């Protein structure tokens, strides 16, 4: 990957696959794409990790259910972990744990709009 990036090439990585301790390809399960993205950020020493989904950031509550939910400009890893553990499906808890451990900058954006310009973690 690093060789291709150094050449200026764009690489495409399967988001939910990884390698176990025996170097066998394995599936990471739900949230594996988020976890893979953060793991690549750490391995490649990237400044930021962008996670794209169908929402334009992280909200104080589910905006589809709570009309007064507010989009958060920034949130701590511990707060995001609490939201994730409570059932929010914005970022998977393994992704958050890894992000906290390696002090990653994770930015949640929408695949469908340009609204999600907030730095979340």
N, C-alpha and C. Protein backbone atom coordinates (compact mmCIF):
# COMPACT_ATOMS: atom_id res chain seq x y z
N UNK A 1 0.81 -1.19 0.00
CA UNK A 1 0.00 0.00 0.00
C UNK A 1 0.86 1.25 0.00
N UNK A 2 1.84 1.26 0.89
CA UNK A 2 2.68 2.46 1.00
C UNK A 2 3.41 2.75 -0.31
N UNK A 3 3.89 1.70 -0.99
CA UNK A 3 4.57 1.90 -2.27
C UNK A 3 3.64 2.53 -3.29
N UNK A 4 2.41 2.05 -3.34
CA UNK A 4 1.44 2.60 -4.30
C UNK A 4 1.07 4.04 -3.95
N UNK A 5 0.91 4.31 -2.67
CA UNK A 5 0.60 5.68 -2.25
C UNK A 5 1.76 6.63 -2.58
N UNK A 6 2.99 6.17 -2.38
CA UNK A 6 4.16 6.98 -2.70
C UNK A 6 4.22 7.31 -4.19
N UNK A 7 3.69 6.43 -5.03
CA UNK A 7 3.63 6.67 -6.48
C UNK A 7 2.49 7.62 -6.84
N UNK A 8 1.67 7.98 -5.85
CA UNK A 8 0.52 8.86 -6.11
C UNK A 8 -0.72 8.12 -6.54
N UNK A 9 -0.70 6.80 -6.42
CA UNK A 9 -1.85 5.99 -6.81
C UNK A 9 -2.89 5.96 -5.70
N UNK A 10 -4.12 5.75 -6.10
CA UNK A 10 -5.23 5.57 -5.16
C UNK A 10 -5.39 4.08 -4.93
N UNK A 11 -5.51 3.69 -3.68
CA UNK A 11 -5.70 2.27 -3.37
C UNK A 11 -7.13 2.05 -2.86
N UNK A 12 -7.65 0.90 -3.14
CA UNK A 12 -8.98 0.51 -2.66
C UNK A 12 -8.79 -0.70 -1.76
N UNK A 13 -9.37 -0.62 -0.56
CA UNK A 13 -9.20 -1.66 0.44
C UNK A 13 -10.57 -2.18 0.86
N UNK A 14 -10.72 -3.50 0.94
CA UNK A 14 -11.97 -4.07 1.46
C UNK A 14 -12.10 -3.66 2.92
N UNK A 15 -13.22 -3.07 3.27
CA UNK A 15 -13.36 -2.43 4.57
C UNK A 15 -13.60 -3.34 5.74
N UNK A 16 -14.01 -4.55 5.55
CA UNK A 16 -14.37 -5.37 6.69
C UNK A 16 -13.49 -6.61 6.81
N UNK A 17 -12.35 -6.58 6.15
CA UNK A 17 -11.44 -7.71 6.21
C UNK A 17 -10.16 -7.32 6.92
N UNK A 18 -9.54 -8.29 7.54
CA UNK A 18 -8.28 -8.07 8.22
C UNK A 18 -7.46 -9.35 8.18
N UNK A 19 -6.36 -9.32 8.90
CA UNK A 19 -5.49 -10.50 8.97
C UNK A 19 -5.34 -10.86 10.44
N UNK A 20 -5.52 -12.15 10.74
CA UNK A 20 -5.40 -12.60 12.13
C UNK A 20 -3.94 -12.89 12.48
N UNK A 21 -3.71 -13.40 13.68
CA UNK A 21 -2.35 -13.65 14.15
C UNK A 21 -1.61 -14.70 13.32
N UNK A 22 -2.33 -15.49 12.54
CA UNK A 22 -1.71 -16.50 11.67
C UNK A 22 -1.57 -16.00 10.23
N UNK A 23 -1.83 -14.72 10.01
CA UNK A 23 -1.79 -14.10 8.68
C UNK A 23 -2.88 -14.64 7.75
N UNK A 24 -3.96 -15.18 8.33
CA UNK A 24 -5.10 -15.60 7.54
C UNK A 24 -6.06 -14.43 7.38
N UNK A 25 -6.65 -14.29 6.20
CA UNK A 25 -7.65 -13.24 5.98
C UNK A 25 -8.89 -13.59 6.79
N UNK A 26 -9.42 -12.61 7.48
CA UNK A 26 -10.60 -12.83 8.32
C UNK A 26 -11.59 -11.69 8.14
N UNK A 27 -12.84 -11.94 8.46
CA UNK A 27 -13.88 -10.91 8.41
C UNK A 27 -14.01 -10.29 9.80
N UNK A 28 -14.06 -8.96 9.84
CA UNK A 28 -14.12 -8.25 11.11
C UNK A 28 -15.54 -8.10 11.66
N UNK A 29 -16.56 -8.39 10.86
CA UNK A 29 -17.93 -8.29 11.33
C UNK A 29 -18.48 -6.88 11.25
N UNK A 30 -19.65 -6.67 11.91
CA UNK A 30 -20.30 -5.36 11.88
C UNK A 30 -19.36 -4.29 12.39
N UNK A 31 -19.31 -3.19 11.67
CA UNK A 31 -18.42 -2.12 12.06
C UNK A 31 -17.00 -2.31 11.58
N UNK A 32 -16.78 -3.39 10.85
CA UNK A 32 -15.44 -3.70 10.38
C UNK A 32 -14.87 -2.65 9.44
N UNK A 33 -15.71 -2.03 8.65
CA UNK A 33 -15.22 -0.99 7.73
C UNK A 33 -14.68 0.20 8.50
N UNK A 34 -15.40 0.62 9.55
CA UNK A 34 -14.93 1.72 10.40
C UNK A 34 -13.60 1.35 11.05
N UNK A 35 -13.54 0.13 11.57
CA UNK A 35 -12.35 -0.33 12.26
C UNK A 35 -11.17 -0.41 11.30
N UNK A 36 -11.40 -0.92 10.10
CA UNK A 36 -10.35 -0.99 9.08
C UNK A 36 -9.84 0.40 8.75
N UNK A 37 -10.74 1.36 8.59
CA UNK A 37 -10.33 2.73 8.25
C UNK A 37 -9.42 3.31 9.32
N UNK A 38 -9.78 3.15 10.58
CA UNK A 38 -8.96 3.69 11.66
C UNK A 38 -7.64 2.93 11.76
N UNK A 39 -7.67 1.61 11.57
CA UNK A 39 -6.44 0.83 11.61
C UNK A 39 -5.48 1.27 10.50
N UNK A 40 -6.02 1.58 9.32
CA UNK A 40 -5.18 2.07 8.23
C UNK A 40 -4.63 3.46 8.55
N UNK A 41 -5.45 4.30 9.19
CA UNK A 41 -4.95 5.61 9.59
C UNK A 41 -3.74 5.46 10.50
N UNK A 42 -3.85 4.55 11.46
CA UNK A 42 -2.76 4.32 12.40
C UNK A 42 -1.53 3.76 11.67
N UNK A 43 -1.75 2.72 10.86
CA UNK A 43 -0.62 2.05 10.19
C UNK A 43 0.09 2.97 9.21
N UNK A 44 -0.67 3.82 8.53
CA UNK A 44 -0.09 4.71 7.52
C UNK A 44 0.31 6.07 8.10
N UNK A 45 0.04 6.25 9.40
CA UNK A 45 0.35 7.52 10.08
C UNK A 45 -0.33 8.71 9.39
N UNK A 46 -1.57 8.49 9.00
CA UNK A 46 -2.35 9.54 8.33
C UNK A 46 -2.85 10.55 9.36
N UNK A 47 -3.01 11.79 8.94
CA UNK A 47 -3.47 12.85 9.84
C UNK A 47 -4.94 12.69 10.23
N UNK A 48 -5.76 12.21 9.28
CA UNK A 48 -7.20 12.15 9.51
C UNK A 48 -7.76 10.87 8.93
N UNK A 49 -8.91 10.49 9.48
CA UNK A 49 -9.67 9.35 8.96
C UNK A 49 -11.09 9.84 8.71
N UNK A 50 -11.54 9.74 7.49
CA UNK A 50 -12.90 10.14 7.14
C UNK A 50 -13.78 8.90 7.08
N UNK A 51 -14.89 8.94 7.80
CA UNK A 51 -15.88 7.86 7.77
C UNK A 51 -17.13 8.44 7.10
N UNK A 52 -17.50 7.89 5.96
CA UNK A 52 -18.68 8.36 5.23
C UNK A 52 -19.84 7.42 5.49
N UNK A 53 -21.01 7.99 5.75
CA UNK A 53 -22.23 7.20 5.96
C UNK A 53 -23.42 7.99 5.44
N UNK A 54 -24.62 7.54 5.76
CA UNK A 54 -25.83 8.20 5.27
C UNK A 54 -26.27 9.37 6.14
N UNK A 55 -25.51 9.70 7.18
CA UNK A 55 -25.82 10.87 8.01
C UNK A 55 -24.69 11.88 7.88
N UNK A 56 -24.98 13.13 8.18
CA UNK A 56 -24.01 14.20 7.95
C UNK A 56 -23.25 14.59 9.22
N UNK A 57 -22.93 13.62 10.03
CA UNK A 57 -22.18 13.90 11.25
C UNK A 57 -22.73 13.10 12.41
N UNK A 58 -22.36 13.52 13.60
CA UNK A 58 -22.81 12.86 14.82
C UNK A 58 -23.76 13.80 15.54
N UNK A 59 -24.89 13.26 15.96
CA UNK A 59 -25.95 14.06 16.59
C UNK A 59 -26.11 13.70 18.06
N UNK A 60 -26.73 14.60 18.79
CA UNK A 60 -27.01 14.38 20.21
C UNK A 60 -28.04 13.28 20.42
N UNK A 61 -28.83 12.99 19.40
CA UNK A 61 -29.83 11.92 19.41
C UNK A 61 -30.11 11.58 17.95
N UNK A 62 -30.88 10.55 17.71
CA UNK A 62 -31.22 10.16 16.35
C UNK A 62 -32.09 11.25 15.72
N UNK A 63 -31.59 11.97 14.70
CA UNK A 63 -32.37 13.06 14.11
C UNK A 63 -33.62 12.59 13.37
N UNK A 64 -33.70 11.30 13.06
CA UNK A 64 -34.90 10.75 12.42
C UNK A 64 -36.02 10.53 13.43
N UNK A 65 -35.66 10.49 14.73
CA UNK A 65 -36.65 10.26 15.77
C UNK A 65 -36.84 11.48 16.68
N UNK A 66 -35.81 12.27 16.87
CA UNK A 66 -35.85 13.42 17.77
C UNK A 66 -35.62 14.68 16.94
N UNK A 67 -36.66 15.46 16.74
CA UNK A 67 -36.55 16.63 15.87
C UNK A 67 -35.62 17.71 16.44
N UNK A 68 -35.39 17.72 17.73
CA UNK A 68 -34.53 18.73 18.34
C UNK A 68 -33.07 18.27 18.45
N UNK A 69 -32.73 17.14 17.85
CA UNK A 69 -31.36 16.64 17.90
C UNK A 69 -30.43 17.65 17.25
N UNK A 70 -29.27 17.85 17.84
CA UNK A 70 -28.30 18.82 17.32
C UNK A 70 -27.06 18.09 16.81
N UNK A 71 -26.57 18.55 15.66
CA UNK A 71 -25.32 18.00 15.13
C UNK A 71 -24.18 18.56 15.98
N UNK A 72 -23.30 17.67 16.41
CA UNK A 72 -22.20 18.05 17.29
C UNK A 72 -20.98 18.41 16.46
N UNK A 73 -20.35 19.53 16.77
CA UNK A 73 -19.15 19.93 16.05
C UNK A 73 -17.95 19.09 16.46
N UNK A 74 -17.95 18.63 17.71
CA UNK A 74 -16.86 17.84 18.22
C UNK A 74 -17.37 17.00 19.38
N UNK A 75 -16.79 15.83 19.54
CA UNK A 75 -17.22 14.94 20.61
C UNK A 75 -15.98 14.15 21.08
N UNK A 76 -15.91 13.88 22.36
CA UNK A 76 -14.77 13.12 22.89
C UNK A 76 -14.94 11.63 22.58
N UNK A 77 -13.86 10.91 22.65
CA UNK A 77 -13.94 9.46 22.44
C UNK A 77 -14.84 8.81 23.48
N UNK A 78 -14.74 9.25 24.73
CA UNK A 78 -15.58 8.66 25.79
C UNK A 78 -17.06 8.93 25.54
N UNK A 79 -17.39 10.16 25.10
CA UNK A 79 -18.80 10.47 24.79
C UNK A 79 -19.28 9.65 23.60
N UNK A 80 -18.43 9.51 22.58
CA UNK A 80 -18.82 8.73 21.41
C UNK A 80 -18.97 7.27 21.77
N UNK A 81 -18.12 6.78 22.66
CA UNK A 81 -18.23 5.38 23.11
C UNK A 81 -19.56 5.16 23.80
N UNK A 82 -19.97 6.12 24.63
CA UNK A 82 -21.25 6.01 25.34
C UNK A 82 -22.42 6.00 24.36
N UNK A 83 -22.36 6.87 23.34
CA UNK A 83 -23.42 6.91 22.33
C UNK A 83 -23.46 5.58 21.58
N UNK A 84 -22.30 5.06 21.21
CA UNK A 84 -22.22 3.79 20.48
C UNK A 84 -22.74 2.64 21.33
N UNK A 85 -22.32 2.60 22.60
CA UNK A 85 -22.78 1.54 23.49
C UNK A 85 -24.28 1.60 23.75
N UNK A 86 -24.88 2.78 23.56
CA UNK A 86 -26.32 2.96 23.75
C UNK A 86 -27.13 2.57 22.52
N UNK A 87 -26.43 2.15 21.46
CA UNK A 87 -27.14 1.67 20.29
C UNK A 87 -27.00 2.50 19.04
N UNK A 88 -26.37 3.67 19.11
CA UNK A 88 -26.18 4.47 17.91
C UNK A 88 -25.28 3.71 16.94
N UNK A 89 -25.60 3.81 15.67
CA UNK A 89 -24.86 3.06 14.68
C UNK A 89 -24.01 3.97 13.79
N UNK A 90 -23.58 5.11 14.32
CA UNK A 90 -22.77 6.04 13.54
C UNK A 90 -21.36 5.50 13.38
N UNK A 91 -20.72 5.15 14.47
CA UNK A 91 -19.38 4.55 14.46
C UNK A 91 -19.40 3.32 15.35
N UNK A 92 -18.70 2.29 14.94
CA UNK A 92 -18.66 1.07 15.73
C UNK A 92 -17.74 1.25 16.93
N UNK A 93 -18.07 0.60 18.04
CA UNK A 93 -17.30 0.80 19.28
C UNK A 93 -15.83 0.38 19.14
N UNK A 94 -15.52 -0.64 18.33
CA UNK A 94 -14.11 -1.03 18.15
C UNK A 94 -13.32 0.09 17.46
N UNK A 95 -13.96 0.74 16.52
CA UNK A 95 -13.35 1.88 15.82
C UNK A 95 -13.03 2.99 16.81
N UNK A 96 -13.97 3.27 17.70
CA UNK A 96 -13.79 4.32 18.70
C UNK A 96 -12.67 3.96 19.67
N UNK A 97 -12.66 2.71 20.12
CA UNK A 97 -11.61 2.26 21.04
C UNK A 97 -10.23 2.41 20.42
N UNK A 98 -10.09 2.01 19.17
CA UNK A 98 -8.80 2.12 18.48
C UNK A 98 -8.43 3.58 18.28
N UNK A 99 -9.43 4.39 17.91
CA UNK A 99 -9.18 5.82 17.72
C UNK A 99 -8.68 6.48 18.99
N UNK A 100 -9.28 6.11 20.11
CA UNK A 100 -8.85 6.67 21.40
C UNK A 100 -7.44 6.20 21.74
N UNK A 101 -7.18 4.92 21.57
CA UNK A 101 -5.87 4.36 21.92
C UNK A 101 -4.74 5.04 21.15
N UNK A 102 -4.98 5.37 19.88
CA UNK A 102 -3.93 5.95 19.04
C UNK A 102 -4.14 7.44 18.77
N UNK A 103 -5.10 8.05 19.48
CA UNK A 103 -5.37 9.49 19.37
C UNK A 103 -5.59 9.91 17.91
N UNK A 104 -6.52 9.23 17.25
CA UNK A 104 -6.83 9.49 15.85
C UNK A 104 -7.81 10.65 15.70
N UNK A 105 -7.74 11.30 14.58
CA UNK A 105 -8.72 12.33 14.24
C UNK A 105 -9.70 11.68 13.27
N UNK A 106 -10.92 11.40 13.75
CA UNK A 106 -11.94 10.72 12.95
C UNK A 106 -13.01 11.74 12.59
N UNK A 107 -13.31 11.86 11.31
CA UNK A 107 -14.28 12.83 10.82
C UNK A 107 -15.42 12.09 10.15
N UNK A 108 -16.63 12.29 10.66
CA UNK A 108 -17.82 11.65 10.08
C UNK A 108 -18.45 12.60 9.08
N UNK A 109 -18.68 12.09 7.87
CA UNK A 109 -19.27 12.90 6.80
C UNK A 109 -20.35 12.09 6.10
N UNK A 110 -21.19 12.80 5.38
CA UNK A 110 -22.25 12.15 4.63
C UNK A 110 -21.79 11.78 3.22
N UNK A 111 -22.20 10.63 2.78
CA UNK A 111 -21.96 10.21 1.41
C UNK A 111 -22.83 11.00 0.45
N UNK A 112 -23.97 11.50 0.95
CA UNK A 112 -24.99 12.07 0.08
C UNK A 112 -25.07 13.59 0.08
N UNK A 113 -24.46 14.27 1.06
CA UNK A 113 -24.52 15.73 1.11
C UNK A 113 -23.15 16.30 1.46
N UNK A 114 -23.02 17.60 1.35
CA UNK A 114 -21.79 18.28 1.75
C UNK A 114 -21.90 18.89 3.14
N UNK A 115 -22.98 18.59 3.87
CA UNK A 115 -23.22 19.21 5.17
C UNK A 115 -22.26 18.76 6.26
N UNK A 116 -21.80 17.51 6.22
CA UNK A 116 -21.04 16.96 7.33
C UNK A 116 -19.59 17.42 7.36
N UNK A 117 -19.37 18.66 7.66
CA UNK A 117 -18.01 19.20 7.68
C UNK A 117 -17.48 19.34 9.09
N UNK A 118 -18.05 18.59 10.04
CA UNK A 118 -17.61 18.74 11.43
C UNK A 118 -16.53 17.74 11.81
N UNK A 119 -15.64 18.18 12.67
CA UNK A 119 -14.63 17.27 13.22
C UNK A 119 -15.28 16.62 14.43
N UNK A 120 -15.40 15.33 14.41
CA UNK A 120 -16.16 14.66 15.45
C UNK A 120 -15.30 14.15 16.58
N UNK A 121 -14.19 13.54 16.31
CA UNK A 121 -13.36 12.96 17.38
C UNK A 121 -11.95 13.48 17.21
